[in-house]
PDB file of N, CA and C in Angstrom:
ATOM      1  N   MET A   1     -29.281  10.988  -4.813  1.00  0.00           N
ATOM      2  CA  MET A   1     -27.927  11.314  -4.610  1.00  0.00           C
ATOM      3  C   MET A   1     -27.366  10.617  -3.467  1.00  0.00           C
ATOM      4  N   LEU A   2     -28.057  10.711  -2.325  1.00  0.00           N
ATOM      5  CA  LEU A   2     -27.799  10.058  -1.115  1.00  0.00           C
ATOM      6  C   LEU A   2     -27.675   8.467  -1.107  1.00  0.00           C
ATOM      7  N   THR A   3     -28.603   7.999  -1.994  1.00  0.00           N
ATOM      8  CA  THR A   3     -28.598   6.571  -2.145  1.00  0.00           C
ATOM      9  C   THR A   3     -27.471   6.059  -2.967  1.00  0.00           C
ATOM     10  N   ASN A   4     -26.963   6.858  -3.934  1.00  0.00           N
ATOM     11  CA  ASN A   4     -25.800   6.581  -4.749  1.00  0.00           C
ATOM     12  C   ASN A   4     -24.620   6.621  -3.935  1.00  0.00           C
ATOM     13  N   ALA A   5     -24.505   7.640  -2.966  1.00  0.00           N
ATOM     14  CA  ALA A   5     -23.350   7.773  -2.089  1.00  0.00           C
ATOM     15  C   ALA A   5     -23.286   6.563  -1.158  1.00  0.00           C
ATOM     16  N   ARG A   6     -24.385   6.128  -0.720  1.00  0.00           N
ATOM     17  CA  ARG A   6     -24.398   4.883   0.308  1.00  0.00           C
ATOM     18  C   ARG A   6     -23.922   3.575  -0.467  1.00  0.00           C
ATOM     19  N   ALA A   7     -24.516   3.532  -1.713  1.00  0.00           N
ATOM     20  CA  ALA A   7     -24.122   2.371  -2.514  1.00  0.00           C
ATOM     21  C   ALA A   7     -22.694   2.300  -2.844  1.00  0.00           C
ATOM     22  N   TRP A   8     -22.178   3.472  -3.174  1.00  0.00           N
ATOM     23  CA  TRP A   8     -20.690   3.740  -3.431  1.00  0.00           C
ATOM     24  C   TRP A   8     -19.858   3.252  -2.214  1.00  0.00           C
ATOM     25  N   ALA A   9     -20.224   3.791  -1.026  1.00  0.00           N
ATOM     26  CA  ALA A   9     -19.618   3.577   0.201  1.00  0.00           C
ATOM     27  C   ALA A   9     -19.555   1.933   0.535  1.00  0.00           C
ATOM     28  N   ARG A  10     -20.720   1.398   0.342  1.00  0.00           N
ATOM     29  CA  ARG A  10     -20.853  -0.149   0.569  1.00  0.00           C
ATOM     30  C   ARG A  10     -19.830  -0.816  -0.438  1.00  0.00           C
ATOM     31  N   THR A  11     -19.817  -0.425  -1.705  1.00  0.00           N
ATOM     32  CA  THR A  11     -18.935  -1.093  -2.576  1.00  0.00           C
ATOM     33  C   THR A  11     -17.358  -0.971  -2.204  1.00  0.00           C
ATOM     34  N   ILE A  12     -17.083   0.195  -1.732  1.00  0.00           N
ATOM     35  CA  ILE A  12     -15.713   0.572  -1.328  1.00  0.00           C
ATOM     36  C   ILE A  12     -15.512  -0.363  -0.106  1.00  0.00           C
ATOM     37  N   LYS A  13     -16.263  -0.426   0.845  1.00  0.00           N
ATOM     38  CA  LYS A  13     -16.121  -1.441   1.952  1.00  0.00           C
ATOM     39  C   LYS A  13     -15.857  -2.841   1.590  1.00  0.00           C
ATOM     40  N   ARG A  14     -16.740  -3.274   0.631  1.00  0.00           N
ATOM     41  CA  ARG A  14     -16.667  -4.654   0.165  1.00  0.00           C
ATOM     42  C   ARG A  14     -15.317  -4.795  -0.561  1.00  0.00           C
ATOM     43  N   ASP A  15     -15.006  -3.838  -1.344  1.00  0.00           N
ATOM     44  CA  ASP A  15     -13.705  -4.083  -2.192  1.00  0.00           C
ATOM     45  C   ASP A  15     -12.396  -3.872  -1.300  1.00  0.00           C
ATOM     46  N   VAL A  16     -12.567  -3.166  -0.235  1.00  0.00           N
ATOM     47  CA  VAL A  16     -11.374  -3.136   0.680  1.00  0.00           C
ATOM     48  C   VAL A  16     -11.158  -4.619   1.247  1.00  0.00           C
ATOM     49  N   VAL A  17     -12.141  -5.266   1.689  1.00  0.00           N
ATOM     50  CA  VAL A  17     -12.145  -6.607   2.122  1.00  0.00           C
ATOM     51  C   VAL A  17     -11.679  -7.454   0.983  1.00  0.00           C
ATOM     52  N   ALA A  18     -12.176  -7.289  -0.147  1.00  0.00           N
ATOM     53  CA  ALA A  18     -11.887  -8.245  -1.158  1.00  0.00           C
ATOM     54  C   ALA A  18     -10.381  -8.035  -1.547  1.00  0.00           C
ATOM     55  N   VAL A  19      -9.833  -6.872  -1.479  1.00  0.00           N
ATOM     56  CA  VAL A  19      -8.353  -6.488  -1.806  1.00  0.00           C
ATOM     57  C   VAL A  19      -7.579  -7.242  -0.700  1.00  0.00           C
ATOM     58  N   TRP A  20      -8.050  -7.088   0.594  1.00  0.00           N
ATOM     59  CA  TRP A  20      -7.415  -7.771   1.734  1.00  0.00           C
ATOM     60  C   TRP A  20      -7.305  -9.256   1.530  1.00  0.00           C
ATOM     61  N   ILE A  21      -8.372  -9.944   1.051  1.00  0.00           N
ATOM     62  CA  ILE A  21      -8.366 -11.361   0.623  1.00  0.00           C
ATOM     63  C   ILE A  21      -7.481 -11.565  -0.463  1.00  0.00           C
ATOM     64  N   ALA A  22      -7.490 -10.779  -1.500  1.00  0.00           N
ATOM     65  CA  ALA A  22      -6.595 -10.960  -2.582  1.00  0.00           C
ATOM     66  C   ALA A  22      -5.057 -10.984  -2.250  1.00  0.00           C
ATOM     67  N   ALA A  23      -4.751 -10.076  -1.283  1.00  0.00           N
ATOM     68  CA  ALA A  23      -3.327  -9.933  -0.804  1.00  0.00           C
ATOM     69  C   ALA A  23      -2.984 -11.342  -0.235  1.00  0.00           C
ATOM     70  N   ARG A  24      -3.668 -12.188   0.158  1.00  0.00           N
ATOM     71  CA  ARG A  24      -3.368 -13.435   0.753  1.00  0.00           C
ATOM     72  C   ARG A  24      -3.678 -14.715  -0.103  1.00  0.00           C
ATOM     73  N   ASP A  25      -3.996 -14.378  -1.145  1.00  0.00           N
ATOM     74  CA  ASP A  25      -4.330 -15.464  -2.199  1.00  0.00           C
ATOM     75  C   ASP A  25      -3.053 -15.913  -2.934  1.00  0.00           C
ATOM     76  N   PRO A  26      -2.750 -17.218  -3.087  1.00  0.00           N
ATOM     77  CA  PRO A  26      -1.515 -17.642  -3.926  1.00  0.00           C
ATOM     78  C   PRO A  26      -1.781 -17.465  -5.477  1.00  0.00           C
ATOM     79  N   ARG A  27      -2.958 -17.192  -5.816  1.00  0.00           N
ATOM     80  CA  ARG A  27      -3.245 -17.107  -7.316  1.00  0.00           C
ATOM     81  C   ARG A  27      -3.021 -15.817  -7.836  1.00  0.00           C
ATOM     82  N   VAL A  28      -2.872 -14.800  -7.040  1.00  0.00           N
ATOM     83  CA  VAL A  28      -2.673 -13.483  -7.385  1.00  0.00           C
ATOM     84  C   VAL A  28      -1.285 -13.129  -7.684  1.00  0.00           C
ATOM     85  N   PRO A  29      -1.001 -12.450  -8.785  1.00  0.00           N
ATOM     86  CA  PRO A  29       0.463 -12.217  -9.156  1.00  0.00           C
ATOM     87  C   PRO A  29       1.087 -11.151  -7.973  1.00  0.00           C
ATOM     88  N   TRP A  30       2.433 -11.506  -7.764  1.00  0.00           N
ATOM     89  CA  TRP A  30       3.161 -10.878  -6.613  1.00  0.00           C
ATOM     90  C   TRP A  30       3.021  -9.415  -6.543  1.00  0.00           C
ATOM     91  N   TYR A  31       3.141  -8.820  -7.758  1.00  0.00           N
ATOM     92  CA  TYR A  31       2.965  -7.336  -7.779  1.00  0.00           C
ATOM     93  C   TYR A  31       1.614  -6.814  -7.372  1.00  0.00           C
ATOM     94  N   ALA A  32       0.616  -7.584  -7.720  1.00  0.00           N
ATOM     95  CA  ALA A  32      -0.679  -7.169  -7.350  1.00  0.00           C
ATOM     96  C   ALA A  32      -0.945  -7.406  -5.837  1.00  0.00           C
ATOM     97  N   LYS A  33      -0.273  -8.551  -5.244  1.00  0.00           N
ATOM     98  CA  LYS A  33      -0.290  -8.817  -3.813  1.00  0.00           C
ATOM     99  C   LYS A  33       0.323  -7.621  -3.045  1.00  0.00           C
ATOM    100  N   VAL A  34       1.503  -7.192  -3.536  1.00  0.00           N
ATOM    101  CA  VAL A  34       2.049  -6.175  -2.866  1.00  0.00           C
ATOM    102  C   VAL A  34       1.307  -4.757  -2.748  1.00  0.00           C
ATOM    103  N   LEU A  35       0.770  -4.589  -3.938  1.00  0.00           N
ATOM    104  CA  LEU A  35      -0.193  -3.259  -3.912  1.00  0.00           C
ATOM    105  C   LEU A  35      -1.432  -3.515  -3.069  1.00  0.00           C
ATOM    106  N   ALA A  36      -1.942  -4.880  -3.228  1.00  0.00           N
ATOM    107  CA  ALA A  36      -3.153  -5.210  -2.436  1.00  0.00           C
ATOM    108  C   ALA A  36      -3.010  -5.117  -0.830  1.00  0.00           C
ATOM    109  N   GLY A  37      -1.673  -5.585  -0.521  1.00  0.00           N
ATOM    110  CA  GLY A  37      -1.387  -5.448   0.887  1.00  0.00           C
ATOM    111  C   GLY A  37      -1.298  -4.130   1.444  1.00  0.00           C
ATOM    112  N   ILE A  38      -0.639  -3.321   0.607  1.00  0.00           N
ATOM    113  CA  ILE A  38      -0.422  -1.852   1.029  1.00  0.00           C
ATOM    114  C   ILE A  38      -1.773  -1.187   1.239  1.00  0.00           C
ATOM    115  N   VAL A  39      -2.610  -1.324   0.145  1.00  0.00           N
ATOM    116  CA  VAL A  39      -4.004  -0.693   0.116  1.00  0.00           C
ATOM    117  C   VAL A  39      -4.641  -1.127   1.305  1.00  0.00           C
ATOM    118  N   ALA A  40      -4.762  -2.590   1.416  1.00  0.00           N
ATOM    119  CA  ALA A  40      -5.629  -3.151   2.475  1.00  0.00           C
ATOM    120  C   ALA A  40      -5.248  -2.649   3.940  1.00  0.00           C
ATOM    121  N   ALA A  41      -3.853  -2.742   4.046  1.00  0.00           N
ATOM    122  CA  ALA A  41      -3.312  -2.330   5.312  1.00  0.00           C
ATOM    123  C   ALA A  41      -3.600  -0.869   5.691  1.00  0.00           C
ATOM    124  N   TYR A  42      -3.469   0.098   4.721  1.00  0.00           N
ATOM    125  CA  TYR A  42      -3.795   1.483   4.926  1.00  0.00           C
ATOM    126  C   TYR A  42      -5.332   1.666   5.160  1.00  0.00           C
ATOM    127  N   ALA A  43      -6.122   0.951   4.427  1.00  0.00           N
ATOM    128  CA  ALA A  43      -7.599   1.194   4.515  1.00  0.00           C
ATOM    129  C   ALA A  43      -8.166   0.528   5.630  1.00  0.00           C
ATOM    130  N   LEU A  44      -7.524  -0.482   6.201  1.00  0.00           N
ATOM    131  CA  LEU A  44      -8.155  -1.209   7.358  1.00  0.00           C
ATOM    132  C   LEU A  44      -7.345  -0.804   8.649  1.00  0.00           C
ATOM    133  N   SER A  45      -6.417   0.113   8.503  1.00  0.00           N
ATOM    134  CA  SER A  45      -5.657   0.479   9.689  1.00  0.00           C
ATOM    135  C   SER A  45      -6.713   1.420  10.585  1.00  0.00           C
ATOM    136  N   PRO A  46      -6.547   1.059  11.950  1.00  0.00           N
ATOM    137  CA  PRO A  46      -7.493   1.983  12.869  1.00  0.00           C
ATOM    138  C   PRO A  46      -6.940   3.435  12.987  1.00  0.00           C
ATOM    139  N   ILE A  47      -5.648   3.701  12.394  1.00  0.00           N
ATOM    140  CA  ILE A  47      -5.096   5.033  12.507  1.00  0.00           C
ATOM    141  C   ILE A  47      -4.889   5.553  11.167  1.00  0.00           C
ATOM    142  N   ASP A  48      -5.363   6.824  10.886  1.00  0.00           N
ATOM    143  CA  ASP A  48      -5.348   7.367   9.535  1.00  0.00           C
ATOM    144  C   ASP A  48      -3.930   8.074   9.383  1.00  0.00           C
ATOM    145  N   LEU A  49      -3.415   8.111   8.259  1.00  0.00           N
ATOM    146  CA  LEU A  49      -2.109   8.813   8.009  1.00  0.00           C
ATOM    147  C   LEU A  49      -2.428  10.354   8.265  1.00  0.00           C
ATOM    148  N   ILE A  50      -3.421  10.807   7.753  1.00  0.00           N
ATOM    149  CA  ILE A  50      -3.910  12.225   7.827  1.00  0.00           C
ATOM    150  C   ILE A  50      -5.069  12.206   8.751  1.00  0.00           C
ATOM    151  N   PRO A  51      -5.083  12.581  10.092  1.00  0.00           N
ATOM    152  CA  PRO A  51      -6.204  12.424  11.003  1.00  0.00           C
ATOM    153  C   PRO A  51      -7.382  13.110  10.339  1.00  0.00           C
ATOM    154  N   ASP A  52      -8.520  12.712  10.738  1.00  0.00           N
ATOM    155  CA  ASP A  52      -9.841  13.256  10.228  1.00  0.00           C
ATOM    156  C   ASP A  52     -10.246  14.589  10.675  1.00  0.00           C
ATOM    157  N   PHE A  53      -9.554  15.021  11.878  1.00  0.00           N
ATOM    158  CA  PHE A  53      -9.833  16.329  12.534  1.00  0.00           C
ATOM    159  C   PHE A  53      -9.189  17.440  11.694  1.00  0.00           C
ATOM    160  N   ILE A  54      -8.207  17.104  10.783  1.00  0.00           N
ATOM    161  CA  ILE A  54      -7.742  18.266   9.941  1.00  0.00           C
ATOM    162  C   ILE A  54      -8.662  18.547   8.908  1.00  0.00           C
ATOM    163  N   PRO A  55      -9.055  19.805   8.880  1.00  0.00           N
ATOM    164  CA  PRO A  55     -10.146  20.144   7.815  1.00  0.00           C
ATOM    165  C   PRO A  55      -9.845  19.785   6.462  1.00  0.00           C
ATOM    166  N   VAL A  56     -10.680  19.225   5.578  1.00  0.00           N
ATOM    167  CA  VAL A  56     -10.645  19.054   4.240  1.00  0.00           C
ATOM    168  C   VAL A  56      -9.624  17.817   3.978  1.00  0.00           C
ATOM    169  N   ILE A  57      -8.298  17.979   4.220  1.00  0.00           N
ATOM    170  CA  ILE A  57      -7.436  16.942   3.816  1.00  0.00           C
ATOM    171  C   ILE A  57      -7.491  15.667   4.793  1.00  0.00           C
ATOM    172  N   GLY A  58      -8.046  15.951   5.880  1.00  0.00           N
ATOM    173  CA  GLY A  58      -8.393  14.753   6.952  1.00  0.00           C
ATOM    174  C   GLY A  58      -9.316  13.741   6.165  1.00  0.00           C
ATOM    175  N   TYR A  59     -10.247  14.108   5.443  1.00  0.00           N
ATOM    176  CA  TYR A  59     -11.144  13.105   4.816  1.00  0.00           C
ATOM    177  C   TYR A  59     -10.727  12.881   3.363  1.00  0.00           C
ATOM    178  N   LEU A  60      -9.651  13.481   2.928  1.00  0.00           N
ATOM    179  CA  LEU A  60      -9.184  13.204   1.538  1.00  0.00           C
ATOM    180  C   LEU A  60      -8.666  11.907   1.268  1.00  0.00           C
ATOM    181  N   ASP A  61      -7.943  11.326   2.288  1.00  0.00           N
ATOM    182  CA  ASP A  61      -7.559   9.831   2.167  1.00  0.00           C
ATOM    183  C   ASP A  61      -8.697   8.967   2.100  1.00  0.00           C
ATOM    184  N   ASP A  62      -9.803   9.162   2.713  1.00  0.00           N
ATOM    185  CA  ASP A  62     -10.899   8.331   2.767  1.00  0.00           C
ATOM    186  C   ASP A  62     -11.729   8.336   1.509  1.00  0.00           C
ATOM    187  N   LEU A  63     -11.693   9.620   0.834  1.00  0.00           N
ATOM    188  CA  LEU A  63     -12.471   9.873  -0.266  1.00  0.00           C
ATOM    189  C   LEU A  63     -11.727   9.622  -1.665  1.00  0.00           C
ATOM    190  N   VAL A  64     -10.455   9.918  -1.540  1.00  0.00           N
ATOM    191  CA  VAL A  64      -9.663   9.829  -2.779  1.00  0.00           C
ATOM    192  C   VAL A  64      -8.636   8.707  -2.872  1.00  0.00           C
ATOM    193  N   ILE A  65      -7.680   8.755  -1.820  1.00  0.00           N
ATOM    194  CA  ILE A  65      -6.540   7.890  -1.831  1.00  0.00           C
ATOM    195  C   ILE A  65      -7.016   6.417  -1.707  1.00  0.00           C
ATOM    196  N   VAL A  66      -7.861   5.977  -0.882  1.00  0.00           N
ATOM    197  CA  VAL A  66      -8.330   4.518  -0.783  1.00  0.00           C
ATOM    198  C   VAL A  66      -8.990   4.166  -2.043  1.00  0.00           C
ATOM    199  N   PRO A  67      -9.981   4.828  -2.625  1.00  0.00           N
ATOM    200  CA  PRO A  67     -10.595   4.339  -3.881  1.00  0.00           C
ATOM    201  C   PRO A  67      -9.624   4.306  -5.052  1.00  0.00           C
ATOM    202  N   LEU A  68      -8.714   5.194  -5.081  1.00  0.00           N
ATOM    203  CA  LEU A  68      -7.767   5.108  -6.247  1.00  0.00           C
ATOM    204  C   LEU A  68      -6.818   3.846  -6.005  1.00  0.00           C
ATOM    205  N   GLY A  69      -6.435   3.588  -4.746  1.00  0.00           N
ATOM    206  CA  GLY A  69      -5.700   2.481  -4.520  1.00  0.00           C
ATOM    207  C   GLY A  69      -6.340   1.166  -4.755  1.00  0.00           C
ATOM    208  N   ILE A  70      -7.701   1.121  -4.577  1.00  0.00           N
ATOM    209  CA  ILE A  70      -8.490  -0.032  -4.819  1.00  0.00           C
ATOM    210  C   ILE A  70      -8.678  -0.291  -6.407  1.00  0.00           C
ATOM    211  N   LEU A  71      -8.838   0.921  -7.059  1.00  0.00           N
ATOM    212  CA  LEU A  71      -8.924   0.805  -8.514  1.00  0.00           C
ATOM    213  C   LEU A  71      -7.733   0.279  -9.139  1.00  0.00           C
ATOM    214  N   ALA A  72      -6.459   0.725  -8.701  1.00  0.00           N
ATOM    215  CA  ALA A  72      -5.253   0.214  -9.101  1.00  0.00           C
ATOM    216  C   ALA A  72      -5.018  -1.159  -8.923  1.00  0.00           C
ATOM    217  N   THR A  73      -5.462  -1.595  -7.698  1.00  0.00           N
ATOM    218  CA  THR A  73      -5.283  -2.964  -7.322  1.00  0.00           C
ATOM    219  C   THR A  73      -6.144  -3.894  -8.157  1.00  0.00           C
ATOM    220  N   VAL A  74      -7.409  -3.443  -8.279  1.00  0.00           N
ATOM    221  CA  VAL A  74      -8.343  -4.288  -9.167  1.00  0.00           C
ATOM    222  C   VAL A  74      -7.827  -4.354 -10.483  1.00  0.00           C
ATOM    223  N   ALA A  75      -7.319  -3.431 -11.022  1.00  0.00           N
ATOM    224  CA  ALA A  75      -6.813  -3.487 -12.405  1.00  0.00           C
ATOM    225  C   ALA A  75      -5.745  -4.467 -12.680  1.00  0.00           C
ATOM    226  N   LEU A  76      -4.998  -4.849 -11.478  1.00  0.00           N
ATOM    227  CA  LEU A  76      -3.983  -5.746 -11.556  1.00  0.00           C
ATOM    228  C   LEU A  76      -4.331  -7.156 -11.409  1.00  0.00           C
ATOM    229  N   ILE A  77      -5.485  -7.378 -10.854  1.00  0.00           N
ATOM    230  CA  ILE A  77      -6.046  -8.738 -10.538  1.00  0.00           C
ATOM    231  C   ILE A  77      -6.935  -9.282 -11.600  1.00  0.00           C
ATOM    232  N   PRO A  78      -6.765 -10.517 -12.001  1.00  0.00           N
ATOM    233  CA  PRO A  78      -7.479 -10.999 -13.105  1.00  0.00           C
ATOM    234  C   PRO A  78      -9.133 -10.926 -12.781  1.00  0.00           C
ATOM    235  N   GLU A  79      -9.959 -10.628 -13.644  1.00  0.00           N
ATOM    236  CA  GLU A  79     -11.337 -10.401 -13.341  1.00  0.00           C
ATOM    237  C   GLU A  79     -12.013 -11.521 -12.675  1.00  0.00           C
ATOM    238  N   PRO A  80     -11.788 -12.869 -13.077  1.00  0.00           N
ATOM    239  CA  PRO A  80     -12.578 -13.925 -12.400  1.00  0.00           C
ATOM    240  C   PRO A  80     -12.195 -14.069 -10.840  1.00  0.00           C
ATOM    241  N   LEU A  81     -10.822 -13.795 -10.723  1.00  0.00           N
ATOM    242  CA  LEU A  81     -10.386 -13.947  -9.253  1.00  0.00           C
ATOM    243  C   LEU A  81     -11.083 -12.678  -8.565  1.00  0.00           C
ATOM    244  N   MET A  82     -11.133 -11.637  -9.083  1.00  0.00           N
ATOM    245  CA  MET A  82     -11.673 -10.477  -8.391  1.00  0.00           C
ATOM    246  C   MET A  82     -13.064 -10.615  -7.971  1.00  0.00           C
ATOM    247  N   GLN A  83     -13.830 -11.223  -8.944  1.00  0.00           N
ATOM    248  CA  GLN A  83     -15.300 -11.462  -8.641  1.00  0.00           C
ATOM    249  C   GLN A  83     -15.410 -12.579  -7.540  1.00  0.00           C
ATOM    250  N   GLU A  84     -14.538 -13.462  -7.523  1.00  0.00           N
ATOM    251  CA  GLU A  84     -14.547 -14.551  -6.324  1.00  0.00           C
ATOM    252  C   GLU A  84     -14.289 -13.745  -5.091  1.00  0.00           C
ATOM    253  N   PHE A  85     -13.325 -12.864  -5.059  1.00  0.00           N
ATOM    254  CA  PHE A  85     -12.907 -12.247  -3.821  1.00  0.00           C
ATOM    255  C   PHE A  85     -14.025 -11.274  -3.354  1.00  0.00           C
ATOM    256  N   ARG A  86     -14.793 -10.601  -4.336  1.00  0.00           N
ATOM    257  CA  ARG A  86     -15.856  -9.790  -3.982  1.00  0.00           C
ATOM    258  C   ARG A  86     -16.977 -10.611  -3.391  1.00  0.00           C
ATOM    259  N   LEU A  87     -17.177 -11.753  -3.915  1.00  0.00           N
ATOM    260  CA  LEU A  87     -18.429 -12.622  -3.345  1.00  0.00           C
ATOM    261  C   LEU A  87     -17.800 -13.076  -1.916  1.00  0.00           C
ATOM    262  N   GLU A  88     -16.725 -13.438  -1.870  1.00  0.00           N
ATOM    263  CA  GLU A  88     -16.152 -13.855  -0.371  1.00  0.00           C
ATOM    264  C   GLU A  88     -16.320 -12.647   0.528  1.00  0.00           C
ATOM    265  N   ALA A  89     -15.833 -11.442   0.086  1.00  0.00           N
ATOM    266  CA  ALA A  89     -15.990 -10.303   1.036  1.00  0.00           C
ATOM    267  C   ALA A  89     -17.394 -10.013   1.299  1.00  0.00           C
ATOM    268  N   ALA A  90     -18.356 -10.045   0.410  1.00  0.00           N
ATOM    269  CA  ALA A  90     -19.748  -9.814   0.687  1.00  0.00           C
ATOM    270  C   ALA A  90     -20.259 -10.829   1.589  1.00  0.00           C
ATOM    271  N   ARG A  91     -19.812 -12.054   1.592  1.00  0.00           N
ATOM    272  CA  ARG A  91     -20.220 -13.175   2.539  1.00  0.00           C
ATOM    273  C   ARG A  91     -19.711 -12.950   3.897  1.00  0.00           C
ATOM    274  N   ARG A  92     -18.527 -12.412   4.085  1.00  0.00           N
ATOM    275  CA  ARG A  92     -18.073 -12.184   5.437  1.00  0.00           C
ATOM    276  C   ARG A  92     -18.797 -11.048   6.204  1.00  0.00           C
ATOM    277  N   GLN A  93     -19.002 -11.244   7.465  1.00  0.00           N
ATOM    278  CA  GLN A  93     -19.651 -10.384   8.478  1.00  0.00           C
ATOM    279  C   GLN A  93     -18.923  -9.195   8.807  1.00  0.00           C
ATOM    280  N   GLY A  94     -17.807  -9.496   9.451  1.00  0.00           N
ATOM    281  CA  GLY A  94     -16.974  -8.374  10.079  1.00  0.00           C
ATOM    282  C   GLY A  94     -15.958  -7.797   9.157  1.00  0.00           C
ATOM    283  N   ARG A  95     -15.460  -6.768   9.514  1.00  0.00           N
ATOM    284  CA  ARG A  95     -14.375  -6.059   8.649  1.00  0.00           C
ATOM    285  C   ARG A  95     -13.173  -6.242   9.486  1.00  0.00           C
ATOM    286  N   PRO A  96     -12.101  -6.863   8.716  1.00  0.00           N
ATOM    287  CA  PRO A  96     -10.842  -7.050   9.506  1.00  0.00           C
ATOM    288  C   PRO A  96     -10.174  -5.728   9.744  1.00  0.00           C
ATOM    289  N   THR A  97      -9.159  -5.816  10.637  1.00  0.00           N
ATOM    290  CA  THR A  97      -8.319  -4.679  10.906  1.00  0.00           C
ATOM    291  C   THR A  97      -6.912  -5.019  10.636  1.00  0.00           C
ATOM    292  N   SER A  98      -6.095  -3.963  10.350  1.00  0.00           N
ATOM    293  CA  SER A  98      -4.687  -4.222  10.011  1.00  0.00           C
ATOM    294  C   SER A  98      -3.758  -3.644  11.063  1.00  0.00           C
ATOM    295  N   ARG A  99      -3.156  -4.392  11.797  1.00  0.00           N
ATOM    296  CA  ARG A  99      -2.166  -3.976  12.848  1.00  0.00           C
ATOM    297  C   ARG A  99      -0.873  -3.609  11.993  1.00  0.00           C
ATOM    298  N   ALA A 100      -0.581  -4.132  10.911  1.00  0.00           N
ATOM    299  CA  ALA A 100       0.618  -3.832   9.986  1.00  0.00           C
ATOM    300  C   ALA A 100       0.483  -2.422   9.646  1.00  0.00           C
ATOM    301  N   GLY A 101      -0.778  -2.215   9.064  1.00  0.00           N
ATOM    302  CA  GLY A 101      -1.079  -0.867   8.622  1.00  0.00           C
ATOM    303  C   GLY A 101      -0.913   0.265   9.657  1.00  0.00           C
ATOM    304  N   MET A 102      -1.411  -0.038  10.878  1.00  0.00           N
ATOM    305  CA  MET A 102      -1.403   0.763  11.915  1.00  0.00           C
ATOM    306  C   MET A 102       0.123   1.050  12.366  1.00  0.00           C
ATOM    307  N   MET A 103       0.864  -0.058  12.462  1.00  0.00           N
ATOM    308  CA  MET A 103       2.272   0.236  12.778  1.00  0.00           C
ATOM    309  C   MET A 103       3.149   0.883  11.724  1.00  0.00           C
ATOM    310  N   GLY A 104       2.676   0.798  10.408  1.00  0.00           N
ATOM    311  CA  GLY A 104       3.348   1.515   9.349  1.00  0.00           C
ATOM    312  C   GLY A 104       3.088   3.096   9.460  1.00  0.00           C
ATOM    313  N   ILE A 105       1.808   3.281   9.743  1.00  0.00           N
ATOM    314  CA  ILE A 105       1.401   4.752   9.999  1.00  0.00           C
ATOM    315  C   ILE A 105       2.081   5.384  11.198  1.00  0.00           C
ATOM    316  N   VAL A 106       2.111   4.627  12.280  1.00  0.00           N
ATOM    317  CA  VAL A 106       2.814   5.056  13.485  1.00  0.00           C
ATOM    318  C   VAL A 106       4.299   5.392  13.187  1.00  0.00           C
ATOM    319  N   CYS A 107       4.903   4.412  12.354  1.00  0.00           N
ATOM    320  CA  CYS A 107       6.354   4.582  12.066  1.00  0.00           C
ATOM    321  C   CYS A 107       6.506   5.826  11.165  1.00  0.00           C
ATOM    322  N   LEU A 108       5.597   6.002  10.287  1.00  0.00           N
ATOM    323  CA  LEU A 108       5.687   7.326   9.454  1.00  0.00           C
ATOM    324  C   LEU A 108       5.574   8.501  10.310  1.00  0.00           C
ATOM    325  N   TRP A 109       4.676   8.518  11.268  1.00  0.00           N
ATOM    326  CA  TRP A 109       4.545   9.772  12.019  1.00  0.00           C
ATOM    327  C   TRP A 109       5.778   9.912  12.983  1.00  0.00           C
ATOM    328  N   LEU A 110       6.282   8.932  13.418  1.00  0.00           N
ATOM    329  CA  LEU A 110       7.581   8.974  14.278  1.00  0.00           C
ATOM    330  C   LEU A 110       8.710   9.416  13.404  1.00  0.00           C
ATOM    331  N   LEU A 111       8.877   8.910  12.212  1.00  0.00           N
ATOM    332  CA  LEU A 111       9.913   9.413  11.464  1.00  0.00           C
ATOM    333  C   LEU A 111       9.699  10.907  11.121  1.00  0.00           C
ATOM    334  N   ALA A 112       8.493  11.293  10.804  1.00  0.00           N
ATOM    335  CA  ALA A 112       8.196  12.878  10.609  1.00  0.00           C
ATOM    336  C   ALA A 112       8.576  13.587  11.706  1.00  0.00           C
ATOM    337  N   LEU A 113       8.297  13.151  13.023  1.00  0.00           N
ATOM    338  CA  LEU A 113       8.620  13.885  14.165  1.00  0.00           C
ATOM    339  C   LEU A 113      10.163  13.885  14.304  1.00  0.00           C
ATOM    340  N   VAL A 114      10.932  12.863  14.031  1.00  0.00           N
ATOM    341  CA  VAL A 114      12.330  12.911  14.126  1.00  0.00           C
ATOM    342  C   VAL A 114      12.909  13.808  13.173  1.00  0.00           C
ATOM    343  N   LEU A 115      12.404  13.703  11.893  1.00  0.00           N
ATOM    344  CA  LEU A 115      12.906  14.559  10.865  1.00  0.00           C
ATOM    345  C   LEU A 115      12.717  16.119  11.212  1.00  0.00           C
ATOM    346  N   ALA A 116      11.531  16.385  11.772  1.00  0.00           N
ATOM    347  CA  ALA A 116      11.137  17.794  12.130  1.00  0.00           C
ATOM    348  C   ALA A 116      12.017  18.269  13.298  1.00  0.00           C
ATOM    349  N   GLY A 117      12.240  17.352  14.293  1.00  0.00           N
ATOM    350  CA  GLY A 117      13.173  17.748  15.421  1.00  0.00           C
ATOM    351  C   GLY A 117      14.544  18.013  14.839  1.00  0.00           C
ATOM    352  N   TRP A 118      14.985  17.176  13.964  1.00  0.00           N
ATOM    353  CA  TRP A 118      16.412  17.296  13.471  1.00  0.00           C
ATOM    354  C   TRP A 118      16.511  18.613  12.622  1.00  0.00           C
ATOM    355  N   TRP A 119      15.473  18.874  11.777  1.00  0.00           N
ATOM    356  CA  TRP A 119      15.458  20.138  11.146  1.00  0.00           C
ATOM    357  C   TRP A 119      15.394  21.375  11.936  1.00  0.00           C
ATOM    358  N   LEU A 120      14.640  21.257  13.068  1.00  0.00           N
ATOM    359  CA  LEU A 120      14.647  22.421  13.990  1.00  0.00           C
ATOM    360  C   LEU A 120      15.978  22.580  14.718  1.00  0.00           C
ATOM    361  N   LEU A 121      16.776  21.529  14.931  1.00  0.00           N
ATOM    362  CA  LEU A 121      18.087  21.667  15.646  1.00  0.00           C
ATOM    363  C   LEU A 121      18.959  22.274  14.509  1.00  0.00           C
TER     364      LEU A 121
END
């Protein structure tokens, strides 16, 4: 079971990078690019929308939201292209980071704080 979990985690890591590559490829349809960009930005952001120190739901995004986003994105990308992106992702050494994803999450947190403050007043 542990071996299966590790293999699944490696697959997810590879597919996150493949989706990141797909978001930048001109052969990918625009709607798939949009979803791929959102999923990659969220998955590669150094800041989580729901911090991991929050019990249970802190890891929910890593275990549910990211894989579901990847599945939805992969379904929109033609299979030959996705295979090419997966091969390229496996070839790359490092994992990219997403500053856009980080900024989006910071903006969401700031918006939540402003709305909470407005509601309290």
